[in-house]
Amino acid sequence: MEEIKKKEAELDQVNIAYDNSYKVLTGEIDFHTLLEDSFKDGDSALMAFDPDSGPLQTELEGMIAWYIESEEYERCAMLRDILEEKFPSLLTNQTK
């Protein structure tokens, strides 16, 4: 039972990180405001990527996979657009 609770807590942390990251990537909130709001509310400012350097391709792909699993396809589409914008060489490789 303890292992199940631990796994659920880990999944909650991943969900928070992806939700925060999505909001920052889509401009719903900037990272500094997220930090301030999280501090005030006692929430977590976890992120799925380093906000100083931006997301890696694998991090964006991981977020997309997460949102596919939870059937949040609008978020998937937004993240796909961000992925294609940040890594345009992906499009060239797919057409070959």
C-alpha atoms as a PDB file:
ATOM      1  CA  MET A   1       0.000   0.000   0.000  1.00  0.00           C
ATOM      2  CA  GLU A   2       2.862   2.357   0.803  1.00  0.00           C
ATOM      3  CA  GLU A   3       4.341   1.771  -2.657  1.00  0.00           C
ATOM      4  CA  ILE A   4       1.045   2.753  -4.294  1.00  0.00           C
ATOM      5  CA  LYS A   5       0.913   6.018  -2.327  1.00  0.00           C
ATOM      6  CA  LYS A   6       4.502   6.758  -3.294  1.00  0.00           C
ATOM      7  CA  LYS A   7       3.740   6.149  -6.986  1.00  0.00           C
ATOM      8  CA  GLU A   8       0.629   8.356  -6.807  1.00  0.00           C
ATOM      9  CA  ALA A   9       2.683  11.144  -5.205  1.00  0.00           C
ATOM     10  CA  GLU A  10       5.273  10.855  -7.977  1.00  0.00           C
ATOM     11  CA  LEU A  11       2.576  11.051 -10.662  1.00  0.00           C
ATOM     12  CA  ASP A  12       1.105  14.114  -8.933  1.00  0.00           C
ATOM     13  CA  GLN A  13       4.528  15.776  -9.048  1.00  0.00           C
ATOM     14  CA  VAL A  14       4.910  14.971 -12.746  1.00  0.00           C
ATOM     15  CA  ASN A  15       1.442  16.365 -13.426  1.00  0.00           C
ATOM     16  CA  ILE A  16       2.288  19.586 -11.573  1.00  0.00           C
ATOM     17  CA  ALA A  17       5.576  19.929 -13.460  1.00  0.00           C
ATOM     18  CA  TYR A  18       3.922  19.393 -16.839  1.00  0.00           C
ATOM     19  CA  ASP A  19       1.042  21.740 -16.011  1.00  0.00           C
ATOM     20  CA  ASN A  20       3.411  24.494 -14.869  1.00  0.00           C
ATOM     21  CA  SER A  21       5.632  23.950 -17.903  1.00  0.00           C
ATOM     22  CA  TYR A  22       2.679  24.062 -20.273  1.00  0.00           C
ATOM     23  CA  LYS A  23       1.483  27.350 -18.782  1.00  0.00           C
ATOM     24  CA  VAL A  24       4.942  28.905 -19.141  1.00  0.00           C
ATOM     25  CA  LEU A  25       5.469  27.594 -22.687  1.00  0.00           C
ATOM     26  CA  THR A  26       2.096  28.856 -23.900  1.00  0.00           C
ATOM     27  CA  GLY A  27       2.472  32.238 -22.225  1.00  0.00           C
ATOM     28  CA  GLU A  28      -0.391  31.752 -19.774  1.00  0.00           C
ATOM     29  CA  ILE A  29       2.073  32.787 -17.077  1.00  0.00           C
ATOM     30  CA  ASP A  30       5.727  33.743 -16.989  1.00  0.00           C
ATOM     31  CA  PHE A  31       8.141  31.773 -14.861  1.00  0.00           C
ATOM     32  CA  HIS A  32       8.786  34.517 -12.310  1.00  0.00           C
ATOM     33  CA  THR A  33       5.062  35.006 -11.722  1.00  0.00           C
ATOM     34  CA  LEU A  34       4.698  31.236 -11.344  1.00  0.00           C
ATOM     35  CA  LEU A  35       7.406  31.299  -8.674  1.00  0.00           C
ATOM     36  CA  GLU A  36       5.796  34.197  -6.837  1.00  0.00           C
ATOM     37  CA  ASP A  37       2.305  32.679  -6.986  1.00  0.00           C
ATOM     38  CA  SER A  38       3.596  29.281  -5.876  1.00  0.00           C
ATOM     39  CA  PHE A  39       5.425  30.824  -2.938  1.00  0.00           C
ATOM     40  CA  LYS A  40       2.342  32.773  -1.845  1.00  0.00           C
ATOM     41  CA  ASP A  41      -0.019  29.801  -2.186  1.00  0.00           C
ATOM     42  CA  GLY A  42       2.338  27.182  -0.807  1.00  0.00           C
ATOM     43  CA  ASP A  43       2.174  25.332  -4.140  1.00  0.00           C
ATOM     44  CA  SER A  44       5.014  23.830  -6.076  1.00  0.00           C
ATOM     45  CA  ALA A  45       6.818  25.584  -8.924  1.00  0.00           C
ATOM     46  CA  LEU A  46       8.082  22.325 -10.393  1.00  0.00           C
ATOM     47  CA  MET A  47       8.965  22.452 -14.065  1.00  0.00           C
ATOM     48  CA  ALA A  48       9.582  19.719 -16.626  1.00  0.00           C
ATOM     49  CA  PHE A  49      12.466  21.695 -18.136  1.00  0.00           C
ATOM     50  CA  ASP A  50      15.054  24.264 -17.154  1.00  0.00           C
ATOM     51  CA  PRO A  51      13.270  27.612 -17.596  1.00  0.00           C
ATOM     52  CA  ASP A  52      16.571  29.406 -18.242  1.00  0.00           C
ATOM     53  CA  SER A  53      17.530  27.288 -21.246  1.00  0.00           C
ATOM     54  CA  GLY A  54      14.084  26.252 -22.463  1.00  0.00           C
ATOM     55  CA  PRO A  55      12.809  22.770 -23.153  1.00  0.00           C
ATOM     56  CA  LEU A  56      14.766  20.081 -24.932  1.00  0.00           C
ATOM     57  CA  GLN A  57      13.162  18.141 -27.744  1.00  0.00           C
ATOM     58  CA  THR A  58      12.831  15.065 -25.515  1.00  0.00           C
ATOM     59  CA  GLU A  59      11.162  17.101 -22.768  1.00  0.00           C
ATOM     60  CA  LEU A  60       8.540  18.438 -25.171  1.00  0.00           C
ATOM     61  CA  GLU A  61       7.985  14.948 -26.568  1.00  0.00           C
ATOM     62  CA  GLY A  62       7.541  13.640 -23.016  1.00  0.00           C
ATOM     63  CA  MET A  63       4.951  16.310 -22.293  1.00  0.00           C
ATOM     64  CA  ILE A  64       3.075  15.470 -25.486  1.00  0.00           C
ATOM     65  CA  ALA A  65       3.069  11.769 -24.563  1.00  0.00           C
ATOM     66  CA  TRP A  66       1.741  12.627 -21.104  1.00  0.00           C
ATOM     67  CA  TYR A  67      -1.116  14.690 -22.533  1.00  0.00           C
ATOM     68  CA  ILE A  68      -1.931  12.013 -25.128  1.00  0.00           C
ATOM     69  CA  GLU A  69      -2.282   9.546 -22.257  1.00  0.00           C
ATOM     70  CA  SER A  70      -4.698  11.869 -20.457  1.00  0.00           C
ATOM     71  CA  GLU A  71      -6.485  12.681 -23.750  1.00  0.00           C
ATOM     72  CA  GLU A  72      -5.783  16.414 -23.547  1.00  0.00           C
ATOM     73  CA  TYR A  73      -5.418  16.810 -27.291  1.00  0.00           C
ATOM     74  CA  GLU A  74      -5.608  20.601 -27.393  1.00  0.00           C
ATOM     75  CA  ARG A  75      -2.529  20.735 -25.191  1.00  0.00           C
ATOM     76  CA  CYS A  76      -0.871  18.144 -27.435  1.00  0.00           C
ATOM     77  CA  ALA A  77      -1.503  20.318 -30.484  1.00  0.00           C
ATOM     78  CA  MET A  78      -0.092  23.418 -28.783  1.00  0.00           C
ATOM     79  CA  LEU A  79       2.994  21.527 -27.660  1.00  0.00           C
ATOM     80  CA  ARG A  80       3.429  20.009 -31.131  1.00  0.00           C
ATOM     81  CA  ASP A  81       3.423  23.530 -32.586  1.00  0.00           C
ATOM     82  CA  ILE A  82       6.018  24.642 -30.034  1.00  0.00           C
ATOM     83  CA  LEU A  83       8.103  21.541 -30.787  1.00  0.00           C
ATOM     84  CA  GLU A  84       8.030  22.250 -34.525  1.00  0.00           C
ATOM     85  CA  GLU A  85       8.884  25.914 -33.950  1.00  0.00           C
ATOM     86  CA  LYS A  86      11.822  25.179 -31.632  1.00  0.00           C
ATOM     87  CA  PHE A  87      13.122  22.217 -33.631  1.00  0.00           C
ATOM     88  CA  PRO A  88      12.324  22.919 -37.304  1.00  0.00           C
ATOM     89  CA  SER A  89      14.768  20.247 -38.461  1.00  0.00           C
ATOM     90  CA  LEU A  90      12.202  17.681 -37.275  1.00  0.00           C
ATOM     91  CA  LEU A  91       9.935  18.705 -40.132  1.00  0.00           C
ATOM     92  CA  THR A  92      12.704  18.318 -42.698  1.00  0.00           C
ATOM     93  CA  ASN A  93      13.599  14.874 -41.391  1.00  0.00           C
ATOM     94  CA  GLN A  94       9.969  13.724 -41.536  1.00  0.00           C
ATOM     95  CA  THR A  95       9.498  14.695 -45.180  1.00  0.00           C
ATOM     96  CA  LYS A  96      12.502  12.682 -46.377  1.00  0.00           C
END
